[in-house]
Amino acid sequence: SNETEGWDWFSVQLDDQREVMLYLLRLKNGGVDAVSKGTLVEADGSTRALKLSDFQVEVLDRWRSPHNNAEYPMRWRVRIPSANVDIELTPRVKDQEMHDISTVYWEGAVTLNGTSNGKPVTGVGYVEMTGYQAGMNRRL
């Protein structure tokens, strides 16, 4: 819809064999669309659907693109209290922006560390973000 500014998609694999996928649809008013959701895959392969109210994604750092001055989140704290997950995601390389195409987006590998089920955990993952080049879009 025209109220949507962009989206953030997170897919991470924890070294305790759990996996988390989160999809956040960001609105132009700064909020997050209620259709945002996620999936938690347990070590045994069972899955659990996550509603927006089941998780929190907090931006810890930002990075400004030298290509178009867009500002992107660059580190996140992801919490899923009911699953006892509290992890921090850090991009391997900040400049992973794809800017020579019609839709400018950032996509890249992240590493993670934190706790899962009360134990220290590390892992790897992938993040994709769109809609952070608002200044460009509004000039059209």
C-alpha atoms as a PDB file:
ATOM      1  CA  SER A   1       0.000   0.000   0.000  1.00  0.00           C
ATOM      2  CA  ASN A   2       1.077   3.642  -0.260  1.00  0.00           C
ATOM      3  CA  GLU A   3       1.361   3.693   3.535  1.00  0.00           C
ATOM      4  CA  THR A   4       4.270   1.252   3.340  1.00  0.00           C
ATOM      5  CA  GLU A   5       7.768   2.677   3.341  1.00  0.00           C
ATOM      6  CA  GLY A   6       9.739  -0.557   3.113  1.00  0.00           C
ATOM      7  CA  TRP A   7      10.523  -3.819   4.805  1.00  0.00           C
ATOM      8  CA  ASP A   8      13.195  -5.552   6.849  1.00  0.00           C
ATOM      9  CA  TRP A   9      13.663  -9.310   6.556  1.00  0.00           C
ATOM     10  CA  PHE A  10      15.841 -11.306   8.933  1.00  0.00           C
ATOM     11  CA  SER A  11      16.790 -14.970   8.621  1.00  0.00           C
ATOM     12  CA  VAL A  12      19.217 -16.354  11.200  1.00  0.00           C
ATOM     13  CA  GLN A  13      20.567 -19.751  12.179  1.00  0.00           C
ATOM     14  CA  LEU A  14      21.642 -20.194  15.796  1.00  0.00           C
ATOM     15  CA  ASP A  15      24.362 -22.676  16.671  1.00  0.00           C
ATOM     16  CA  ASP A  16      21.928 -24.497  18.975  1.00  0.00           C
ATOM     17  CA  GLN A  17      20.083 -25.508  15.769  1.00  0.00           C
ATOM     18  CA  ARG A  18      17.213 -23.045  16.233  1.00  0.00           C
ATOM     19  CA  GLU A  19      16.315 -20.760  13.334  1.00  0.00           C
ATOM     20  CA  VAL A  20      14.449 -17.468  13.319  1.00  0.00           C
ATOM     21  CA  MET A  21      12.838 -15.668  10.390  1.00  0.00           C
ATOM     22  CA  LEU A  22      11.285 -12.222  10.918  1.00  0.00           C
ATOM     23  CA  TYR A  23       9.520  -9.932   8.483  1.00  0.00           C
ATOM     24  CA  LEU A  24       8.839  -6.293   9.427  1.00  0.00           C
ATOM     25  CA  LEU A  25       6.710  -4.076   7.185  1.00  0.00           C
ATOM     26  CA  ARG A  26       7.531  -0.449   8.031  1.00  0.00           C
ATOM     27  CA  LEU A  27       4.941   2.310   7.647  1.00  0.00           C
ATOM     28  CA  LYS A  28       5.556   5.893   6.545  1.00  0.00           C
ATOM     29  CA  ASN A  29       4.366   7.159   9.943  1.00  0.00           C
ATOM     30  CA  GLY A  30       7.254   5.349  11.600  1.00  0.00           C
ATOM     31  CA  GLY A  31       5.194   2.449  12.859  1.00  0.00           C
ATOM     32  CA  VAL A  32       5.221  -1.217  11.898  1.00  0.00           C
ATOM     33  CA  ASP A  33       2.331  -2.921  10.106  1.00  0.00           C
ATOM     34  CA  ALA A  34       0.455  -5.482  12.198  1.00  0.00           C
ATOM     35  CA  VAL A  35       0.874  -8.045   9.393  1.00  0.00           C
ATOM     36  CA  SER A  36       4.586  -8.206  10.283  1.00  0.00           C
ATOM     37  CA  LYS A  37       5.364 -11.716  11.454  1.00  0.00           C
ATOM     38  CA  GLY A  38       7.948 -14.383  11.959  1.00  0.00           C
ATOM     39  CA  THR A  39       8.702 -18.070  12.340  1.00  0.00           C
ATOM     40  CA  LEU A  40      10.767 -19.869  14.951  1.00  0.00           C
ATOM     41  CA  VAL A  41      12.149 -23.289  14.027  1.00  0.00           C
ATOM     42  CA  GLU A  42      13.173 -25.402  17.004  1.00  0.00           C
ATOM     43  CA  ALA A  43      16.155 -27.773  16.996  1.00  0.00           C
ATOM     44  CA  ASP A  44      13.791 -30.734  16.474  1.00  0.00           C
ATOM     45  CA  GLY A  45      12.364 -29.110  13.338  1.00  0.00           C
ATOM     46  CA  SER A  46       9.040 -28.047  14.837  1.00  0.00           C
ATOM     47  CA  THR A  47       7.934 -24.533  13.876  1.00  0.00           C
ATOM     48  CA  ARG A  48       6.059 -21.783  15.676  1.00  0.00           C
ATOM     49  CA  ALA A  49       4.409 -18.783  14.073  1.00  0.00           C
ATOM     50  CA  LEU A  50       5.322 -15.454  15.681  1.00  0.00           C
ATOM     51  CA  LYS A  51       2.991 -12.462  15.732  1.00  0.00           C
ATOM     52  CA  LEU A  52       4.360  -8.927  15.856  1.00  0.00           C
ATOM     53  CA  SER A  53       3.609  -8.872  19.591  1.00  0.00           C
ATOM     54  CA  ASP A  54       5.835 -11.937  20.110  1.00  0.00           C
ATOM     55  CA  PHE A  55       9.107 -10.238  19.162  1.00  0.00           C
ATOM     56  CA  GLN A  56      10.985  -6.950  19.399  1.00  0.00           C
ATOM     57  CA  VAL A  57      13.623  -5.641  17.009  1.00  0.00           C
ATOM     58  CA  GLU A  58      15.678  -2.748  18.360  1.00  0.00           C
ATOM     59  CA  VAL A  59      18.102  -0.784  16.159  1.00  0.00           C
ATOM     60  CA  LEU A  60      21.438  -0.351  17.963  1.00  0.00           C
ATOM     61  CA  ASP A  61      23.515   1.387  15.295  1.00  0.00           C
ATOM     62  CA  ARG A  62      23.120   3.088  11.902  1.00  0.00           C
ATOM     63  CA  TRP A  63      25.184   3.521   8.761  1.00  0.00           C
ATOM     64  CA  ARG A  64      24.932   6.200   6.074  1.00  0.00           C
ATOM     65  CA  SER A  65      25.452   5.105   2.483  1.00  0.00           C
ATOM     66  CA  PRO A  66      28.179   7.018   0.648  1.00  0.00           C
ATOM     67  CA  HIS A  67      26.306   6.255  -2.601  1.00  0.00           C
ATOM     68  CA  ASN A  68      23.009   8.050  -1.957  1.00  0.00           C
ATOM     69  CA  ASN A  69      23.097   9.279   1.647  1.00  0.00           C
ATOM     70  CA  ALA A  70      20.427   6.768   2.709  1.00  0.00           C
ATOM     71  CA  GLU A  71      20.639   5.820   6.380  1.00  0.00           C
ATOM     72  CA  TYR A  72      20.294   2.153   7.290  1.00  0.00           C
ATOM     73  CA  PRO A  73      20.056   0.318  10.599  1.00  0.00           C
ATOM     74  CA  MET A  74      23.346  -1.523  11.064  1.00  0.00           C
ATOM     75  CA  ARG A  75      23.029  -3.572  14.243  1.00  0.00           C
ATOM     76  CA  TRP A  76      19.966  -5.044  15.873  1.00  0.00           C
ATOM     77  CA  ARG A  77      18.864  -6.613  19.110  1.00  0.00           C
ATOM     78  CA  VAL A  78      16.210  -9.239  18.488  1.00  0.00           C
ATOM     79  CA  ARG A  79      14.174 -10.528  21.399  1.00  0.00           C
ATOM     80  CA  ILE A  80      11.585 -13.303  21.442  1.00  0.00           C
ATOM     81  CA  PRO A  81      10.705 -13.492  25.155  1.00  0.00           C
ATOM     82  CA  SER A  82       8.366 -16.504  24.918  1.00  0.00           C
ATOM     83  CA  ALA A  83      11.148 -18.487  23.217  1.00  0.00           C
ATOM     84  CA  ASN A  84      13.876 -17.210  25.536  1.00  0.00           C
ATOM     85  CA  VAL A  85      15.838 -15.694  22.621  1.00  0.00           C
ATOM     86  CA  ASP A  86      17.870 -12.482  23.026  1.00  0.00           C
ATOM     87  CA  ILE A  87      20.426 -11.973  20.261  1.00  0.00           C
ATOM     88  CA  GLU A  88      22.395  -9.186  18.639  1.00  0.00           C
ATOM     89  CA  LEU A  89      22.918  -9.147  14.847  1.00  0.00           C
ATOM     90  CA  THR A  90      25.953  -7.414  13.312  1.00  0.00           C
ATOM     91  CA  PRO A  91      26.602  -7.109   9.548  1.00  0.00           C
ATOM     92  CA  ARG A  92      29.871  -8.651   8.356  1.00  0.00           C
ATOM     93  CA  VAL A  93      30.338  -5.688   6.000  1.00  0.00           C
ATOM     94  CA  LYS A  94      28.434  -2.398   6.285  1.00  0.00           C
ATOM     95  CA  ASP A  95      28.409  -1.499   2.615  1.00  0.00           C
ATOM     96  CA  GLN A  96      26.259  -4.273   1.150  1.00  0.00           C
ATOM     97  CA  GLU A  97      23.844  -1.911  -0.565  1.00  0.00           C
ATOM     98  CA  MET A  98      22.593  -2.713  -4.068  1.00  0.00           C
ATOM     99  CA  HIS A  99      22.200   0.709  -5.645  1.00  0.00           C
ATOM    100  CA  ASP A 100      22.543   0.205  -9.412  1.00  0.00           C
ATOM    101  CA  ILE A 101      19.045  -1.189  -9.796  1.00  0.00           C
ATOM    102  CA  SER A 102      15.515   0.232  -9.831  1.00  0.00           C
ATOM    103  CA  THR A 103      14.728  -0.626  -6.211  1.00  0.00           C
ATOM    104  CA  VAL A 104      17.584   0.287  -3.897  1.00  0.00           C
ATOM    105  CA  TYR A 105      18.015  -2.225  -1.116  1.00  0.00           C
ATOM    106  CA  TRP A 106      20.571  -3.509   1.333  1.00  0.00           C
ATOM    107  CA  GLU A 107      21.161  -7.215   1.674  1.00  0.00           C
ATOM    108  CA  GLY A 108      23.941  -9.006   3.389  1.00  0.00           C
ATOM    109  CA  ALA A 109      25.365 -11.504   5.795  1.00  0.00           C
ATOM    110  CA  VAL A 110      25.226 -10.945   9.558  1.00  0.00           C
ATOM    111  CA  THR A 111      26.791 -12.696  12.512  1.00  0.00           C
ATOM    112  CA  LEU A 112      24.997 -12.990  15.833  1.00  0.00           C
ATOM    113  CA  ASN A 113      25.617 -13.590  19.483  1.00  0.00           C
ATOM    114  CA  GLY A 114      23.461 -13.586  22.583  1.00  0.00           C
ATOM    115  CA  THR A 115      21.439 -16.135  24.519  1.00  0.00           C
ATOM    116  CA  SER A 116      18.963 -18.851  23.568  1.00  0.00           C
ATOM    117  CA  ASN A 117      17.154 -20.862  26.235  1.00  0.00           C
ATOM    118  CA  GLY A 118      19.422 -19.277  28.826  1.00  0.00           C
ATOM    119  CA  LYS A 119      22.671 -20.403  27.180  1.00  0.00           C
ATOM    120  CA  PRO A 120      25.214 -18.347  25.209  1.00  0.00           C
ATOM    121  CA  VAL A 121      24.683 -18.679  21.474  1.00  0.00           C
ATOM    122  CA  THR A 122      26.340 -17.541  18.256  1.00  0.00           C
ATOM    123  CA  GLY A 123      25.252 -17.934  14.673  1.00  0.00           C
ATOM    124  CA  VAL A 124      24.979 -16.548  11.183  1.00  0.00           C
ATOM    125  CA  GLY A 125      22.250 -15.035   9.104  1.00  0.00           C
ATOM    126  CA  TYR A 126      21.048 -12.775   6.363  1.00  0.00           C
ATOM    127  CA  VAL A 127      19.240  -9.437   6.377  1.00  0.00           C
ATOM    128  CA  GLU A 128      17.442  -7.642   3.574  1.00  0.00           C
ATOM    129  CA  MET A 129      16.142  -4.050   3.871  1.00  0.00           C
ATOM    130  CA  THR A 130      14.268  -1.732   1.518  1.00  0.00           C
ATOM    131  CA  GLY A 131      12.777   1.740   1.764  1.00  0.00           C
ATOM    132  CA  TYR A 132      15.612   3.577   3.495  1.00  0.00           C
ATOM    133  CA  GLN A 133      16.324   5.892   0.563  1.00  0.00           C
ATOM    134  CA  ALA A 134      13.272   8.021   1.369  1.00  0.00           C
ATOM    135  CA  GLY A 135      14.968  11.224   0.256  1.00  0.00           C
ATOM    136  CA  MET A 136      15.396   9.833  -3.244  1.00  0.00           C
ATOM    137  CA  ASN A 137      11.850   8.559  -3.505  1.00  0.00           C
ATOM    138  CA  ARG A 138      10.260  11.830  -2.433  1.00  0.00           C
ATOM    139  CA  ARG A 139      12.005  13.717  -5.225  1.00  0.00           C
ATOM    140  CA  LEU A 140      10.240  11.659  -7.894  1.00  0.00           C
END
